[in-house]
C-alpha atoms as a PDB file:
ATOM      1  CA  MET A   1       0.000   0.000   0.000  1.00  0.00           C
ATOM      2  CA  SER A   2       1.354   3.398  -0.923  1.00  0.00           C
ATOM      3  CA  PRO A   3       1.749   6.185   1.633  1.00  0.00           C
ATOM      4  CA  GLN A   4      -1.029   8.107  -0.095  1.00  0.00           C
ATOM      5  CA  ASP A   5      -3.376   5.103   0.112  1.00  0.00           C
ATOM      6  CA  ARG A   6      -2.560   4.707   3.823  1.00  0.00           C
ATOM      7  CA  PHE A   7      -3.225   8.387   4.368  1.00  0.00           C
ATOM      8  CA  LEU A   8      -6.598   8.167   2.598  1.00  0.00           C
ATOM      9  CA  GLN A   9      -7.487   5.042   4.564  1.00  0.00           C
ATOM     10  CA  ASP A  10      -6.581   6.780   7.839  1.00  0.00           C
ATOM     11  CA  MET A  11      -8.661   9.826   6.899  1.00  0.00           C
ATOM     12  CA  ALA A  12     -11.659   7.632   6.099  1.00  0.00           C
ATOM     13  CA  ARG A  13     -11.268   5.848   9.467  1.00  0.00           C
ATOM     14  CA  ILE A  14     -11.089   9.178  11.320  1.00  0.00           C
ATOM     15  CA  ALA A  15     -14.179  10.461   9.480  1.00  0.00           C
ATOM     16  CA  ALA A  16     -16.095   7.291  10.403  1.00  0.00           C
ATOM     17  CA  GLU A  17     -15.100   7.659  14.055  1.00  0.00           C
ATOM     18  CA  GLU A  18     -16.197  11.297  14.065  1.00  0.00           C
ATOM     19  CA  ALA A  19     -19.570  10.319  12.586  1.00  0.00           C
ATOM     20  CA  GLU A  20     -20.043   7.836  15.470  1.00  0.00           C
ATOM     21  CA  ARG A  21     -19.024  10.357  18.134  1.00  0.00           C
ATOM     22  CA  PRO A  22     -22.507  11.780  18.933  1.00  0.00           C
ATOM     23  CA  ALA A  23     -23.934   8.290  19.535  1.00  0.00           C
ATOM     24  CA  ILE A  24     -20.895   7.303  21.624  1.00  0.00           C
ATOM     25  CA  ARG A  25     -21.364  10.443  23.718  1.00  0.00           C
ATOM     26  CA  VAL A  26     -25.072   9.802  24.357  1.00  0.00           C
ATOM     27  CA  LYS A  27     -24.575   6.122  25.201  1.00  0.00           C
ATOM     28  CA  GLY A  28     -21.564   6.890  27.390  1.00  0.00           C
ATOM     29  CA  ILE A  29     -23.309   9.591  29.399  1.00  0.00           C
ATOM     30  CA  GLU A  30     -26.389   7.388  29.872  1.00  0.00           C
ATOM     31  CA  ALA A  31     -24.135   4.545  31.051  1.00  0.00           C
ATOM     32  CA  LEU A  32     -22.274   6.877  33.400  1.00  0.00           C
ATOM     33  CA  GLN A  33     -25.566   7.979  34.938  1.00  0.00           C
ATOM     34  CA  ARG A  34     -26.379   4.323  35.657  1.00  0.00           C
ATOM     35  CA  LEU A  35     -22.914   3.540  37.017  1.00  0.00           C
ATOM     36  CA  VAL A  36     -22.594   6.411  39.481  1.00  0.00           C
ATOM     37  CA  PRO A  37     -25.414   5.249  41.794  1.00  0.00           C
ATOM     38  CA  VAL A  38     -23.927   1.743  41.781  1.00  0.00           C
ATOM     39  CA  ALA A  39     -20.491   3.125  42.688  1.00  0.00           C
ATOM     40  CA  LEU A  40     -21.992   5.032  45.614  1.00  0.00           C
ATOM     41  CA  ARG A  41     -23.449   1.878  47.195  1.00  0.00           C
ATOM     42  CA  ASP A  42     -21.597  -0.622  49.357  1.00  0.00           C
ATOM     43  CA  SER A  43     -21.167  -3.897  47.501  1.00  0.00           C
ATOM     44  CA  GLY A  44     -18.505  -5.821  45.630  1.00  0.00           C
ATOM     45  CA  GLN A  45     -19.780  -4.502  42.331  1.00  0.00           C
ATOM     46  CA  SER A  46     -19.870  -0.986  43.794  1.00  0.00           C
ATOM     47  CA  ARG A  47     -16.176  -1.245  44.629  1.00  0.00           C
ATOM     48  CA  ILE A  48     -15.353  -2.366  41.086  1.00  0.00           C
ATOM     49  CA  VAL A  49     -17.427   0.363  39.453  1.00  0.00           C
ATOM     50  CA  GLY A  50     -16.125   3.008  41.856  1.00  0.00           C
ATOM     51  CA  ARG A  51     -12.497   2.051  41.233  1.00  0.00           C
ATOM     52  CA  PHE A  52     -13.142   1.975  37.472  1.00  0.00           C
ATOM     53  CA  LEU A  53     -14.612   5.493  37.522  1.00  0.00           C
ATOM     54  CA  LEU A  54     -11.761   6.783  39.684  1.00  0.00           C
ATOM     55  CA  SER A  55      -9.245   5.327  37.246  1.00  0.00           C
ATOM     56  CA  LEU A  56     -10.815   7.261  34.376  1.00  0.00           C
ATOM     57  CA  TYR A  57     -10.628  10.379  36.527  1.00  0.00           C
ATOM     58  CA  ASN A  58      -6.931   9.865  37.325  1.00  0.00           C
ATOM     59  CA  GLY A  59      -5.378   6.569  36.338  1.00  0.00           C
ATOM     60  CA  SER A  60      -2.022   7.337  37.945  1.00  0.00           C
ATOM     61  CA  ALA A  61      -3.531   8.063  41.349  1.00  0.00           C
ATOM     62  CA  PHE A  62      -6.222   5.378  41.113  1.00  0.00           C
ATOM     63  CA  PRO A  63      -4.925   2.388  39.113  1.00  0.00           C
ATOM     64  CA  PHE A  64      -7.473  -0.222  38.084  1.00  0.00           C
ATOM     65  CA  ALA A  65      -6.962  -3.845  37.107  1.00  0.00           C
ATOM     66  CA  LEU A  66      -9.077  -4.552  34.027  1.00  0.00           C
ATOM     67  CA  THR A  67      -9.564  -8.144  35.166  1.00  0.00           C
ATOM     68  CA  ASP A  68     -11.746  -6.737  37.981  1.00  0.00           C
ATOM     69  CA  LEU A  69     -14.391  -6.071  35.325  1.00  0.00           C
ATOM     70  CA  ARG A  70     -14.991  -9.822  35.300  1.00  0.00           C
ATOM     71  CA  GLY A  71     -16.769  -9.417  38.641  1.00  0.00           C
ATOM     72  CA  LEU A  72     -19.552  -7.301  37.153  1.00  0.00           C
ATOM     73  CA  ASP A  73     -22.972  -8.284  35.894  1.00  0.00           C
ATOM     74  CA  SER A  74     -23.227  -8.071  32.107  1.00  0.00           C
ATOM     75  CA  SER A  75     -25.212  -4.830  32.124  1.00  0.00           C
ATOM     76  CA  LEU A  76     -22.656  -3.076  34.356  1.00  0.00           C
ATOM     77  CA  TRP A  77     -19.814  -4.446  32.238  1.00  0.00           C
ATOM     78  CA  ASP A  78     -21.498  -3.062  29.113  1.00  0.00           C
ATOM     79  CA  ASP A  79     -21.957   0.307  30.820  1.00  0.00           C
ATOM     80  CA  CYS A  80     -18.271   0.415  31.802  1.00  0.00           C
ATOM     81  CA  LEU A  81     -17.280  -0.217  28.187  1.00  0.00           C
ATOM     82  CA  ALA A  82     -19.636   2.529  26.990  1.00  0.00           C
ATOM     83  CA  VAL A  83     -18.036   4.978  29.432  1.00  0.00           C
ATOM     84  CA  LEU A  84     -14.580   3.826  28.381  1.00  0.00           C
ATOM     85  CA  ARG A  85     -15.495   4.522  24.739  1.00  0.00           C
ATOM     86  CA  LEU A  86     -16.758   7.962  25.783  1.00  0.00           C
ATOM     87  CA  ASP A  87     -13.508   8.643  27.611  1.00  0.00           C
ATOM     88  CA  ARG A  88     -11.290   7.373  24.794  1.00  0.00           C
ATOM     89  CA  ARG A  89     -11.331  10.833  23.225  1.00  0.00           C
ATOM     90  CA  PRO A  90     -12.783  12.937  26.014  1.00  0.00           C
ATOM     91  CA  GLU A  91     -14.504  16.233  25.481  1.00  0.00           C
ATOM     92  CA  LEU A  92     -14.739  16.669  29.266  1.00  0.00           C
ATOM     93  CA  GLU A  93     -13.214  15.031  32.304  1.00  0.00           C
ATOM     94  CA  VAL A  94     -15.367  12.040  33.267  1.00  0.00           C
ATOM     95  CA  HIS A  95     -16.737  13.680  36.420  1.00  0.00           C
ATOM     96  CA  GLU A  96     -17.810  16.764  34.454  1.00  0.00           C
ATOM     97  CA  TYR A  97     -20.482  14.806  32.579  1.00  0.00           C
ATOM     98  CA  ILE A  98     -22.403  14.367  35.854  1.00  0.00           C
ATOM     99  CA  GLU A  99     -24.183  17.042  37.871  1.00  0.00           C
ATOM    100  CA  ASN A 100     -22.260  17.603  41.138  1.00  0.00           C
ATOM    101  CA  GLY A 101     -19.470  15.488  39.695  1.00  0.00           C
ATOM    102  CA  ASP A 102     -16.776  17.018  41.919  1.00  0.00           C
ATOM    103  CA  ASP A 103     -18.743  16.119  45.056  1.00  0.00           C
ATOM    104  CA  ILE A 104     -19.569  12.652  43.773  1.00  0.00           C
ATOM    105  CA  TRP A 105     -15.964  11.875  42.871  1.00  0.00           C
ATOM    106  CA  SER A 106     -14.917  13.075  46.331  1.00  0.00           C
ATOM    107  CA  GLN A 107     -17.314  10.513  47.771  1.00  0.00           C
ATOM    108  CA  LEU A 108     -15.874   7.847  45.489  1.00  0.00           C
ATOM    109  CA  LYS A 109     -12.353   8.702  46.654  1.00  0.00           C
ATOM    110  CA  ARG A 110     -13.378   8.353  50.297  1.00  0.00           C
ATOM    111  CA  ALA A 111     -15.138   5.072  49.642  1.00  0.00           C
ATOM    112  CA  TRP A 112     -12.834   3.317  47.170  1.00  0.00           C
ATOM    113  CA  ALA A 113      -9.400   4.970  47.031  1.00  0.00           C
END
């Protein structure tokens, strides 16, 4: 493949990703709104979801083992992946998609950090 063909292929891929972006944003924010209440509870799945959300907020300060996702129900696992897709090319910090996000993430830090 020539460099020009690779360039055109890359541009087409980027354009396709950009076309998907609005749907990724909607699905990711909806998933985040379902995950936050789970993370604020006190259960094994809450710990996993809380640690996952903290890792998106600051992965260096709050590392997360991806194998922990295996402990989630399928619907929570799907929601985590939707939020991860949202955060792949973030428009905002993850906590900024949620009303009172700073306060909520402070609660998550106290509970799961």
